[in-house]
Amino acid sequence: MQRRFLMYLFCTAAQEKETQMKGAVIIYYGVGHCKFFADRGAKITELLRSVPLRVTAIHCCYDNPLV
């Protein structure tokens, strides 16, 4: 279900002319989820490669200073 939502979100954002020219910034708010990318890194990379959207940056916010 989350993949479908993300795909819909990315496809909707890709329809904007400014987003097509400048790209998009993804912000992940990972408070309490410090293992999110470690567990799902390959799936996230696969998803980002399949969307029709240029991702210019990814910002990750965590509450764990060790991450």
C-alpha atoms as a PDB file:
ATOM      1  CA  MET A   1       0.000   0.000   0.000  1.00  0.00           C
ATOM      2  CA  GLN A   2       2.815   2.435   0.809  1.00  0.00           C
ATOM      3  CA  ARG A   3       4.461   1.817  -2.557  1.00  0.00           C
ATOM      4  CA  ARG A   4       1.243   2.640  -4.388  1.00  0.00           C
ATOM      5  CA  PHE A   5       0.861   5.842  -2.400  1.00  0.00           C
ATOM      6  CA  LEU A   6       4.456   6.889  -3.062  1.00  0.00           C
ATOM      7  CA  MET A   7       4.130   6.095  -6.757  1.00  0.00           C
ATOM      8  CA  TYR A   8       0.928   8.160  -6.936  1.00  0.00           C
ATOM      9  CA  LEU A   9       2.608  11.019  -5.052  1.00  0.00           C
ATOM     10  CA  PHE A  10       5.664  11.001  -7.336  1.00  0.00           C
ATOM     11  CA  CYS A  11       3.575  10.791 -10.530  1.00  0.00           C
ATOM     12  CA  THR A  12       1.376  13.662  -9.354  1.00  0.00           C
ATOM     13  CA  ALA A  13       4.411  15.795  -8.500  1.00  0.00           C
ATOM     14  CA  ALA A  14       5.983  14.983 -11.873  1.00  0.00           C
ATOM     15  CA  GLN A  15       3.062  16.644 -13.647  1.00  0.00           C
ATOM     16  CA  GLU A  16       4.095  20.078 -12.349  1.00  0.00           C
ATOM     17  CA  LYS A  17       6.193  22.014 -14.859  1.00  0.00           C
ATOM     18  CA  GLU A  18       8.482  23.539 -12.199  1.00  0.00           C
ATOM     19  CA  THR A  19       9.126  20.120 -10.650  1.00  0.00           C
ATOM     20  CA  GLN A  20      10.016  18.751 -14.089  1.00  0.00           C
ATOM     21  CA  MET A  21      12.586  21.517 -14.570  1.00  0.00           C
ATOM     22  CA  LYS A  22      14.093  21.739 -11.077  1.00  0.00           C
ATOM     23  CA  GLY A  23      13.451  18.285  -9.649  1.00  0.00           C
ATOM     24  CA  ALA A  24      12.112  17.341  -6.224  1.00  0.00           C
ATOM     25  CA  VAL A  25      13.536  17.098  -2.716  1.00  0.00           C
ATOM     26  CA  ILE A  26      12.410  14.162  -0.605  1.00  0.00           C
ATOM     27  CA  ILE A  27      12.280  14.719   3.152  1.00  0.00           C
ATOM     28  CA  TYR A  28      12.134  11.629   5.370  1.00  0.00           C
ATOM     29  CA  TYR A  29      11.168  12.193   9.005  1.00  0.00           C
ATOM     30  CA  GLY A  30      12.570   9.100  10.686  1.00  0.00           C
ATOM     31  CA  VAL A  31      12.060   9.815  14.356  1.00  0.00           C
ATOM     32  CA  GLY A  32      11.888   6.438  16.065  1.00  0.00           C
ATOM     33  CA  HIS A  33      12.747   4.568  12.841  1.00  0.00           C
ATOM     34  CA  CYS A  34      16.548   4.541  12.791  1.00  0.00           C
ATOM     35  CA  LYS A  35      16.766   1.287  10.799  1.00  0.00           C
ATOM     36  CA  PHE A  36      14.468   2.397   7.967  1.00  0.00           C
ATOM     37  CA  PHE A  37      17.108   2.699   5.242  1.00  0.00           C
ATOM     38  CA  ALA A  38      19.162  -0.237   6.486  1.00  0.00           C
ATOM     39  CA  ASP A  39      16.167  -2.541   6.153  1.00  0.00           C
ATOM     40  CA  ARG A  40      14.685  -1.087   2.959  1.00  0.00           C
ATOM     41  CA  GLY A  41      17.569   0.536   1.102  1.00  0.00           C
ATOM     42  CA  ALA A  42      17.365  -1.674  -1.995  1.00  0.00           C
ATOM     43  CA  LYS A  43      13.577  -1.282  -2.253  1.00  0.00           C
ATOM     44  CA  ILE A  44      13.786   2.496  -1.917  1.00  0.00           C
ATOM     45  CA  THR A  45      16.490   2.686  -4.586  1.00  0.00           C
ATOM     46  CA  GLU A  46      14.386   0.521  -6.917  1.00  0.00           C
ATOM     47  CA  LEU A  47      11.339   2.728  -6.337  1.00  0.00           C
ATOM     48  CA  LEU A  48      13.246   5.960  -6.985  1.00  0.00           C
ATOM     49  CA  ARG A  49      14.659   4.578 -10.232  1.00  0.00           C
ATOM     50  CA  SER A  50      11.196   3.633 -11.465  1.00  0.00           C
ATOM     51  CA  VAL A  51       9.401   6.938 -10.885  1.00  0.00           C
ATOM     52  CA  PRO A  52       9.111   9.566 -13.620  1.00  0.00           C
ATOM     53  CA  LEU A  53      10.542  12.251 -11.359  1.00  0.00           C
ATOM     54  CA  ARG A  54      13.994  13.744 -11.007  1.00  0.00           C
ATOM     55  CA  VAL A  55      15.000  13.576  -7.348  1.00  0.00           C
ATOM     56  CA  THR A  56      17.619  16.240  -6.643  1.00  0.00           C
ATOM     57  CA  ALA A  57      18.136  15.574  -2.924  1.00  0.00           C
ATOM     58  CA  ILE A  58      17.012  13.407  -0.038  1.00  0.00           C
ATOM     59  CA  HIS A  59      17.057  14.798   3.512  1.00  0.00           C
ATOM     60  CA  CYS A  60      16.718  12.380   6.438  1.00  0.00           C
ATOM     61  CA  CYS A  61      15.811  13.610   9.929  1.00  0.00           C
ATOM     62  CA  TYR A  62      16.490  11.274  12.876  1.00  0.00           C
ATOM     63  CA  ASP A  63      16.337  11.538  16.635  1.00  0.00           C
ATOM     64  CA  ASN A  64      19.195   9.057  17.104  1.00  0.00           C
ATOM     65  CA  PRO A  65      22.637  10.771  17.017  1.00  0.00           C
ATOM     66  CA  LEU A  66      24.330   7.478  16.035  1.00  0.00           C
ATOM     67  CA  VAL A  67      22.562   7.315  12.669  1.00  0.00           C
END
